[in-house]
Structures are given as C-alpha cells and as structure tokens.
Amino acid sequence: MSAHILVVDDVAQNLRLLSDLLSARGYRTSTAASGEDALTSIAADPPDLVLLDVMMPGMNGYDVCRAIRADPACAVLPVVLVTALDPEQERVKGLNAGADDFLSKPINQAELMARVRSLLRVKTLYDEVQRQRAELQAWNATLEQRVQESVQQLERIGQLKRFFSPQLAEAILAGGADDPLRSHRREITVVFLDLRGFTAFTETAEPEEVMAVLAQYHAAMGRLVLAHEGTLERFSGDGMMIFFNDPQPVPDAPARALRMAVQMQGEMAALSGQWRRRGYDLHMGIGIAQGFATLGGIGFDARIDYGAIGTVTNLAARLCGEAAGGEILISQRVHGALQDGSPDSGWSIQEAGELELKGFQRKVPAWRVVCVS
C-alpha cells in the first residue's frame, strides 16, 4: 500500500502543485487549507507524513506541529515544515515545535522527494518495530495464559493423583474419561489392609519411629497400588482402602485385587524382617470383598475426597480385621469371581468358615488365600 501524505497550505495553487507532484510519484495524498483542517484530517485519516506550511492564518505551522506532538498517537509522525523565510532563523523554532525536517520555498522537487523518501523509510521502520512489539506483547500474554493453564492443569493432575493412577488422572483431565466426582453406582472390588501389632508399637515407640515405619509402609504399598492401577480411597494411620473397577472399569477386578494383595504381603514380609531387627513386631492383615457401592466426591468446595459408600466397604474392613498377620481373607463373591476366571498359580484358596462380623446379622462365609509361590 502506498504511503499517505497530508499537504497543508493556505494557498490553493501550492496545494495542487505539491499534491500532483507526490501523486505522480505513487503516493496517496490529502490536503488541508488551514491548521485546524489539518488536525481534523489527521484525526480522521492518519497520514504517514505531513508537509506543513509555516505561514498560515489562524494556527501557523509551528502551532500545528506542537498540537501534533501533543497527541501520543502522533508522537513519531514525520512533519516537514515548508517556509519561505530564512531557514536558519526558523530552524530552531521548528525543532522546538517538534518538526523533523525543513524545505525552503520555492521547493526543489528532487530535494522534496529525497526528504520524503528518507522520512517515510524511518516511519516504516518505526511502524514495523511497533508491529513486532505488539505481536511480542500478544505472544507474552498468550504464553502467560498457557503457563497459568499448565500450572492449573498440573495442580488438577496432582489432586487427582491422590486417588487415581497417573494415567487415569491425565485421561480424566483430557476428557478421555467420565467425571469421577459425580455420584454414581458401580460394582467394585474393595481391598482393606492394616497392621497387626501397630497399637502396641505406638504405645512404646517414639513418634519419630512411628512416622518412619508408616513412611516405609505407605511407600511400599502405594507403589503396588499404582502398579495395579487401583484407586486409593484413603490412608488412615496404618489402614488403607483401595478399590478396583472404578472410576476406570477393568475386566479382572477381583483377580487384580488379589494379585496386588499377594504382592503386598510379599513386600510386607521383607519390611517385617527389617523391623524385627529393630525390635518392632508388625505384620499385615488384608480383607477383600466385592459388591455394589455408591462412589463420587465427598466433602465441600475447599476439600473434596473421593469415596465409596456401601456394605461392600464394611465387609472388606471386617474381613481385614479378622485376618491374622500375613493373611488374606476374601468374601464369597470374590471367591466366586476367582473360580469363574482363570486360575492363578501364585495362590490357592482354602475355606475359612463362617465368621461373625460386627455390623452383619448373619455369619459371613470367608476364604483364606494361601500363597504358593
């Protein structure tokens, strides 16, 4: 697009001469016959350069130049003063008013075009710098927004990883899974575990020793929860509750839960050996049950936990309470699901009889898992 030049002169002949000369060189021109008209034209259709006569009635060229410079939007608009007066005497006045260059009347065409090209080149460079500056500001704003969104995303992933596997947490935030915090009902397999001898241990051990033992215990069990893609419902001192088949459905929830429990007992055996050398006699019991539960977010805006409510959670907890150290007790439905599936060479299942469990009116049949490898 050709540059736009505003020619300002109170003499109509001078306006036509300069306008025709510049138009012949490919520039787009507009004219103003007074200083007031010039300022109105600049506001309505900003030019790329102003050729401004000094001697005009009303506002003279210096007044117009000062008014142009008072507008921040025109701070770098090139202004060439055109005067018939002694240029040496007028130069200081023009510089103080904010002019960029001077031309003497009568105008030398070659000099006019050279000064116009030079100032327009500077103006073009300035406009390009401003354009790049605006782009950079826009990119910075976009970058800041993306960084903020990424931080929020990481915070949300961190919160979800409290309950779910990292893969599932990222899938939920990416829209690849249903909103798990919405209340829903589903059949799940629940695993409850806690330590035998822990109460006696806390009564004699120092708090620092208790915290160190719990840190080892939680770390070892937590790794296995993640490895088997279980959902960690809660830590409660030495107790842990994990469930399978929610929020990510799995076809082998009972077998997966039992594989995790067997490996947990293996890890626990190693930990128990270490703790025994320090004088701590700690073992772990595990209970596993299967059934329907209502699941979703539980809490309030400032703190929401993910929980499961139903008889199945109570049953798993009661079976865990009945399990001896190193033992895994499973419910009838878990036993039936394992019998329906493919056998696993890592364990065998024995009847544990009918148990009287707190909160259950009838005796509950249970089975004992015996590790064979």
Protein backbone atom coordinates (compact mmCIF):
# COMPACT_ATOMS: atom_id res chain seq x y z
CA MET A 1 0.00 0.00 0.00
CA SER A 2 1.37 3.46 -0.98
CA ALA A 3 2.25 5.94 1.76
CA HIS A 4 -0.27 8.64 2.66
CA ILE A 5 0.99 12.24 2.70
CA LEU A 6 -1.02 15.19 4.03
CA VAL A 7 -0.20 18.54 2.35
CA VAL A 8 -1.14 21.62 4.42
CA ASP A 9 -1.06 25.11 2.84
CA ASP A 10 -3.44 28.06 2.77
CA VAL A 11 -2.57 28.77 -0.89
CA ALA A 12 -4.65 26.57 -3.23
CA GLN A 13 -2.04 26.68 -6.01
CA ASN A 14 0.64 25.33 -3.67
CA LEU A 15 -1.70 22.53 -2.55
CA ARG A 16 -2.38 21.43 -6.12
CA LEU A 17 1.29 21.61 -7.11
CA LEU A 18 2.57 19.51 -4.20
CA SER A 19 -0.36 17.09 -4.34
CA ASP A 20 0.07 16.47 -8.08
CA LEU A 21 3.83 16.08 -7.71
CA LEU A 22 3.52 13.49 -4.97
CA SER A 23 0.65 11.66 -6.64
CA ALA A 24 2.76 11.34 -9.80
CA ARG A 25 5.37 9.54 -7.69
CA GLY A 26 2.78 7.00 -6.49
CA TYR A 27 1.89 8.47 -3.10
CA ARG A 28 -1.65 8.87 -1.84
CA THR A 29 -2.29 12.48 -0.90
CA SER A 30 -4.84 14.53 1.01
CA THR A 31 -4.93 18.29 1.52
CA ALA A 32 -5.84 20.82 4.18
CA ALA A 33 -6.11 24.62 3.71
CA SER A 34 -5.60 25.55 7.36
CA GLY A 35 -4.02 24.33 10.56
CA GLU A 36 -7.41 23.49 12.06
CA ASP A 37 -8.39 21.48 8.97
CA ALA A 38 -5.05 19.68 9.13
CA LEU A 39 -5.65 18.47 12.71
CA THR A 40 -9.16 17.32 11.81
CA SER A 41 -7.82 15.41 8.80
CA ILE A 42 -5.05 13.78 10.86
CA ALA A 43 -7.62 12.54 13.40
CA ALA A 44 -9.96 11.20 10.70
CA ASP A 45 -7.37 9.63 8.36
CA PRO A 46 -3.89 9.45 9.92
CA PRO A 47 -1.18 10.12 7.33
CA ASP A 48 2.33 8.71 7.13
CA LEU A 49 3.90 12.16 6.65
CA VAL A 50 2.81 15.83 6.82
CA LEU A 51 4.09 18.62 4.56
CA LEU A 52 3.21 21.69 6.60
CA ASP A 53 3.43 25.33 5.53
CA VAL A 54 4.69 27.65 8.25
CA MET A 55 2.94 30.93 7.38
CA MET A 56 -0.82 30.41 7.58
CA PRO A 57 -3.63 32.48 9.10
CA GLY A 58 -5.06 31.23 12.37
CA MET A 59 -2.85 28.36 13.51
CA ASN A 60 0.56 28.69 11.91
CA GLY A 61 2.79 25.73 11.10
CA TYR A 62 4.54 25.81 14.50
CA ASP A 63 1.20 25.74 16.34
CA VAL A 64 0.02 22.79 14.25
CA CYS A 65 3.31 20.95 14.80
CA ARG A 66 3.06 21.42 18.58
CA ALA A 67 -0.54 20.17 18.53
CA ILE A 68 0.54 17.10 16.56
CA ARG A 69 3.29 16.30 19.04
CA ALA A 70 0.88 16.72 21.97
CA ASP A 71 -1.06 13.69 20.71
CA PRO A 72 0.71 10.45 21.80
CA ALA A 73 -0.66 8.68 18.72
CA CYS A 74 1.25 11.16 16.51
CA ALA A 75 4.44 11.33 18.55
CA VAL A 76 6.57 9.98 15.68
CA LEU A 77 4.52 11.20 12.70
CA PRO A 78 7.11 12.82 10.35
CA VAL A 79 6.46 16.56 9.88
CA VAL A 80 8.31 18.62 7.22
CA LEU A 81 7.96 22.37 7.61
CA VAL A 82 7.82 24.36 4.38
CA THR A 83 8.84 28.01 4.68
CA ALA A 84 9.78 31.00 2.54
CA LEU A 85 11.50 32.60 5.50
CA ASP A 86 15.20 32.34 6.31
CA PRO A 87 15.58 28.62 7.16
CA GLU A 88 18.47 29.27 9.52
CA GLN A 89 16.32 31.57 11.67
CA GLU A 90 13.29 29.28 11.53
CA ARG A 91 15.11 26.02 12.17
CA VAL A 92 15.35 26.46 15.95
CA LYS A 93 11.67 27.40 16.14
CA GLY A 94 10.78 24.35 14.07
CA LEU A 95 12.88 21.96 16.16
CA ASN A 96 11.38 23.33 19.36
CA ALA A 97 7.91 22.78 17.88
CA GLY A 98 8.77 19.17 17.01
CA ALA A 99 9.46 19.28 13.26
CA ASP A 100 11.61 16.58 11.66
CA ASP A 101 12.86 18.42 8.56
CA PHE A 102 12.62 21.64 6.55
CA LEU A 103 12.10 22.66 2.94
CA SER A 104 12.59 26.15 1.55
CA LYS A 105 10.31 27.80 -1.00
CA PRO A 106 10.45 27.64 -3.93
CA ILE A 107 10.58 23.86 -3.47
CA ASN A 108 13.24 21.82 -5.23
CA GLN A 109 11.47 18.70 -6.47
CA ALA A 110 14.49 16.41 -6.15
CA GLU A 111 15.14 17.61 -2.61
CA LEU A 112 11.45 17.20 -1.75
CA MET A 113 11.34 13.60 -2.93
CA ALA A 114 14.64 12.71 -1.22
CA ARG A 115 13.44 14.07 2.15
CA VAL A 116 10.04 12.39 1.79
CA ARG A 117 11.61 9.01 0.99
CA SER A 118 14.08 9.33 3.89
CA LEU A 119 11.44 10.19 6.48
CA LEU A 120 8.99 7.59 5.20
CA ARG A 121 11.71 4.96 5.47
CA VAL A 122 12.23 5.88 9.13
CA LYS A 123 8.46 5.86 9.68
CA THR A 124 8.17 2.42 8.06
CA LEU A 125 10.91 1.04 10.28
CA TYR A 126 9.22 2.51 13.35
CA ASP A 127 5.85 1.04 12.35
CA GLU A 128 7.48 -2.37 11.89
CA VAL A 129 9.08 -2.15 15.33
CA GLN A 130 5.71 -1.23 16.82
CA ARG A 131 4.01 -4.10 14.99
CA GLN A 132 6.60 -6.56 16.25
CA ARG A 133 6.29 -5.09 19.76
CA ALA A 134 2.52 -5.59 19.67
CA GLU A 135 2.99 -9.17 18.43
CA LEU A 136 5.52 -9.82 21.19
CA GLN A 137 3.13 -8.46 23.80
CA ALA A 138 0.36 -10.66 22.41
CA TRP A 139 2.68 -13.69 22.43
CA ASN A 140 3.74 -12.90 26.00
CA ALA A 141 0.11 -12.63 27.08
CA THR A 142 -0.66 -15.92 25.36
CA LEU A 143 2.42 -17.52 26.91
CA GLU A 144 1.44 -16.29 30.38
CA GLN A 145 -2.05 -17.69 29.88
CA ARG A 146 -0.67 -21.02 28.69
CA VAL A 147 1.75 -21.17 31.62
CA GLN A 148 -1.10 -20.42 34.02
CA GLU A 149 -3.28 -23.06 32.37
CA SER A 150 -0.42 -25.56 32.53
CA VAL A 151 0.14 -24.83 36.22
CA GLN A 152 -3.58 -25.27 36.90
CA GLN A 153 -3.55 -28.49 34.87
CA LEU A 154 -0.61 -29.80 36.89
CA GLU A 155 -2.38 -28.87 40.13
CA ARG A 156 -5.52 -30.71 38.99
CA ILE A 157 -3.44 -33.74 37.96
CA GLY A 158 -1.72 -33.62 41.36
CA GLN A 159 -5.07 -33.60 43.12
CA LEU A 160 -6.45 -36.45 41.01
CA LYS A 161 -3.29 -38.50 41.51
CA ARG A 162 -4.16 -38.59 45.20
CA PHE A 163 -6.90 -41.04 44.25
CA PHE A 164 -6.20 -42.43 40.77
CA SER A 165 -3.31 -43.75 38.76
CA PRO A 166 -1.35 -41.03 36.88
CA GLN A 167 -2.57 -42.40 33.53
CA LEU A 168 -6.21 -42.18 34.58
CA ALA A 169 -5.78 -38.71 36.13
CA GLU A 170 -4.40 -37.38 32.85
CA ALA A 171 -7.16 -39.13 30.86
CA ILE A 172 -9.83 -37.52 33.06
CA LEU A 173 -8.41 -34.02 32.52
CA ALA A 174 -8.04 -34.66 28.78
CA GLY A 175 -11.69 -35.65 28.54
CA GLY A 176 -10.91 -39.32 27.96
CA ALA A 177 -12.89 -40.49 30.98
CA ASP A 178 -16.16 -39.61 32.68
CA ASP A 179 -16.16 -37.16 35.57
CA PRO A 180 -15.46 -39.46 38.53
CA LEU A 181 -16.53 -36.96 41.17
CA ARG A 182 -20.13 -37.15 40.02
CA SER A 183 -22.09 -39.57 42.23
CA HIS A 184 -22.60 -42.96 40.55
CA ARG A 185 -23.15 -46.61 41.41
CA ARG A 186 -20.92 -49.48 40.33
CA GLU A 187 -19.76 -52.92 41.35
CA ILE A 188 -16.26 -52.72 42.79
CA THR A 189 -13.70 -54.92 44.49
CA VAL A 190 -12.51 -53.40 47.76
CA VAL A 191 -9.19 -54.18 49.46
CA PHE A 192 -8.67 -53.21 53.10
CA LEU A 193 -5.36 -53.63 54.89
CA ASP A 194 -3.86 -52.65 58.20
CA LEU A 195 -1.02 -53.61 60.51
CA ARG A 196 -1.16 -56.14 63.32
CA GLY A 197 0.65 -55.05 66.47
CA PHE A 198 0.58 -51.38 65.47
CA THR A 199 -1.30 -50.13 68.54
CA ALA A 200 1.18 -51.81 70.91
CA PHE A 201 4.04 -50.50 68.81
CA THR A 202 2.81 -46.86 69.04
CA GLU A 203 2.48 -47.14 72.81
CA THR A 204 6.18 -47.93 73.26
CA ALA A 205 7.91 -46.34 70.26
CA GLU A 206 8.93 -42.72 69.83
CA PRO A 207 6.78 -40.64 67.43
CA GLU A 208 9.70 -40.34 65.03
CA GLU A 209 9.99 -44.14 64.89
CA VAL A 210 6.26 -44.48 64.22
CA MET A 211 6.39 -41.94 61.39
CA ALA A 212 9.41 -43.66 59.84
CA VAL A 213 7.67 -47.04 59.89
CA LEU A 214 4.50 -45.58 58.37
CA ALA A 215 6.51 -43.85 55.65
CA GLN A 216 8.13 -47.16 54.64
CA TYR A 217 4.83 -48.99 54.81
CA HIS A 218 2.87 -46.42 52.80
CA ALA A 219 5.59 -46.10 50.17
CA ALA A 220 5.80 -49.86 49.60
CA MET A 221 2.04 -50.36 49.48
CA GLY A 222 1.47 -47.20 47.42
CA ARG A 223 3.83 -48.38 44.69
CA LEU A 224 1.81 -51.57 44.32
CA VAL A 225 -1.50 -49.65 44.23
CA LEU A 226 -0.17 -47.60 41.31
CA ALA A 227 1.33 -50.62 39.57
CA HIS A 228 -2.05 -52.40 39.61
CA GLU A 229 -3.99 -49.22 38.73
CA GLY A 230 -6.05 -49.30 41.88
CA THR A 231 -7.95 -46.34 43.31
CA LEU A 232 -6.64 -45.30 46.70
CA GLU A 233 -9.64 -44.22 48.78
CA ARG A 234 -7.86 -43.36 52.00
CA PHE A 235 -4.90 -43.62 54.36
CA SER A 236 -5.99 -43.90 57.97
CA GLY A 237 -2.91 -44.36 60.12
CA ASP A 238 -1.87 -47.94 59.43
CA GLY A 239 -5.07 -48.69 57.48
CA MET A 240 -5.53 -48.35 53.74
CA MET A 241 -8.55 -48.82 51.49
CA ILE A 242 -8.17 -49.47 47.76
CA PHE A 243 -10.79 -50.45 45.22
CA PHE A 244 -10.89 -51.65 41.62
CA ASN A 245 -13.30 -51.20 38.69
CA ASP A 246 -13.88 -47.51 39.39
CA PRO A 247 -13.51 -44.96 38.01
CA GLN A 248 -11.74 -46.96 35.31
CA PRO A 249 -13.60 -50.23 34.60
CA VAL A 250 -11.38 -53.33 34.48
CA PRO A 251 -12.46 -56.82 33.39
CA ASP A 252 -10.49 -58.62 36.12
CA ALA A 253 -11.08 -56.56 39.26
CA PRO A 254 -11.13 -59.49 41.77
CA ALA A 255 -8.05 -61.17 40.29
CA ARG A 256 -6.24 -57.86 40.02
CA ALA A 257 -7.06 -57.02 43.61
CA LEU A 258 -5.82 -60.40 44.81
CA ARG A 259 -2.61 -60.19 42.79
CA MET A 260 -1.93 -56.82 44.42
CA ALA A 261 -2.73 -58.21 47.89
CA VAL A 262 -0.41 -61.19 47.41
CA GLN A 263 2.43 -58.89 46.31
CA MET A 264 1.70 -56.62 49.26
CA GLN A 265 2.11 -59.50 51.67
CA GLY A 266 5.39 -60.31 49.95
CA GLU A 267 6.60 -56.71 50.42
CA MET A 268 5.34 -56.76 53.98
CA ALA A 269 7.33 -59.89 54.77
CA ALA A 270 10.50 -58.07 53.75
CA LEU A 271 9.56 -54.99 55.79
CA SER A 272 8.67 -57.12 58.82
CA GLY A 273 12.13 -58.68 58.69
CA GLN A 274 13.76 -55.24 58.77
CA TRP A 275 11.51 -54.02 61.56
CA ARG A 276 12.01 -57.17 63.62
CA ARG A 277 15.76 -56.42 63.75
CA ARG A 278 14.84 -53.08 65.31
CA GLY A 279 12.52 -54.74 67.80
CA TYR A 280 9.21 -53.99 66.03
CA ASP A 281 6.80 -56.93 65.67
CA LEU A 282 4.47 -55.77 62.88
CA HIS A 283 2.52 -57.78 60.33
CA MET A 284 -0.35 -57.02 57.96
CA GLY A 285 -3.85 -58.41 57.50
CA ILE A 286 -5.88 -57.94 54.30
CA GLY A 287 -9.58 -58.27 53.54
CA ILE A 288 -11.10 -58.29 50.05
CA ALA A 289 -14.81 -58.01 49.18
CA GLN A 290 -16.86 -57.42 46.04
CA GLY A 291 -20.21 -55.68 45.67
CA PHE A 292 -22.05 -52.55 44.60
CA ALA A 293 -21.26 -49.16 46.10
CA THR A 294 -22.09 -45.51 45.54
CA LEU A 295 -18.98 -43.56 44.57
CA GLY A 296 -18.06 -39.95 43.94
CA GLY A 297 -16.78 -36.76 45.51
CA ILE A 298 -17.39 -36.36 49.23
CA GLY A 299 -16.77 -33.09 51.06
CA PHE A 300 -17.12 -29.36 50.34
CA ASP A 301 -15.62 -26.81 47.94
CA ALA A 302 -12.38 -26.34 49.87
CA ARG A 303 -11.78 -30.06 50.39
CA ILE A 304 -13.18 -32.93 48.36
CA ASP A 305 -12.20 -36.57 48.83
CA TYR A 306 -13.12 -39.47 46.59
CA GLY A 307 -15.05 -42.13 48.43
CA ALA A 308 -17.12 -45.29 48.17
CA ILE A 309 -20.15 -45.94 50.37
CA GLY A 310 -21.82 -49.31 50.73
CA THR A 311 -21.90 -52.63 52.53
CA VAL A 312 -19.02 -53.90 50.43
CA THR A 313 -16.59 -51.45 52.07
CA ASN A 314 -17.72 -52.51 55.54
CA LEU A 315 -17.35 -56.17 54.62
CA ALA A 316 -13.79 -55.69 53.34
CA ALA A 317 -12.90 -53.78 56.51
CA ARG A 318 -14.38 -56.51 58.76
CA LEU A 319 -12.59 -59.28 56.86
CA CYS A 320 -9.37 -57.30 57.22
CA GLY A 321 -9.99 -57.06 60.95
CA GLU A 322 -10.39 -60.86 61.18
CA ALA A 323 -7.29 -61.62 59.09
CA ALA A 324 -4.20 -62.64 61.02
CA GLY A 325 -0.80 -61.13 60.29
CA GLY A 326 0.34 -62.22 56.83
CA GLU A 327 -3.19 -63.46 55.96
CA ILE A 328 -5.63 -62.52 53.19
CA LEU A 329 -9.36 -63.16 53.70
CA ILE A 330 -11.79 -62.85 50.79
CA SER A 331 -15.58 -62.73 50.58
CA GLN A 332 -17.86 -65.27 48.89
CA ARG A 333 -18.39 -63.07 45.82
CA VAL A 334 -14.66 -62.60 45.34
CA HIS A 335 -14.17 -66.35 45.70
CA GLY A 336 -16.90 -67.00 43.12
CA ALA A 337 -15.39 -64.50 40.67
CA LEU A 338 -11.97 -66.09 41.04
CA GLN A 339 -13.43 -69.56 40.49
CA ASP A 340 -15.16 -68.31 37.32
CA GLY A 341 -11.93 -66.83 35.99
CA SER A 342 -8.69 -68.47 35.01
CA PRO A 343 -6.72 -69.99 37.90
CA ASP A 344 -3.57 -68.29 39.13
CA SER A 345 -0.58 -70.39 40.08
CA GLY A 346 0.53 -67.80 42.64
CA TRP A 347 -2.01 -68.80 45.30
CA SER A 348 -4.50 -71.37 46.49
CA ILE A 349 -7.80 -70.73 48.30
CA GLN A 350 -8.98 -72.52 51.42
CA GLU A 351 -12.25 -72.28 53.31
CA ALA A 352 -12.02 -70.12 56.43
CA GLY A 353 -15.53 -70.99 57.64
CA GLU A 354 -18.36 -68.66 58.56
CA LEU A 355 -17.31 -65.59 60.52
CA GLU A 356 -19.29 -63.44 62.90
CA LEU A 357 -18.55 -59.92 61.77
CA LYS A 358 -19.53 -56.70 63.53
CA GLY A 359 -22.40 -54.98 61.72
CA PHE A 360 -23.60 -58.16 59.99
CA GLN A 361 -26.58 -60.03 61.46
CA ARG A 362 -25.70 -63.38 59.90
CA LYS A 363 -22.43 -65.22 59.78
CA VAL A 364 -20.41 -64.44 56.68
CA PRO A 365 -18.60 -67.19 54.73
CA ALA A 366 -14.97 -66.37 54.05
CA TRP A 367 -11.97 -67.93 52.30
CA ARG A 368 -8.31 -67.75 53.13
CA VAL A 369 -5.75 -67.13 50.36
CA VAL A 370 -2.56 -69.09 50.69
CA CYS A 371 0.43 -68.01 48.65
CA VAL A 372 2.16 -70.92 46.94
CA SER A 373 4.97 -69.07 45.15
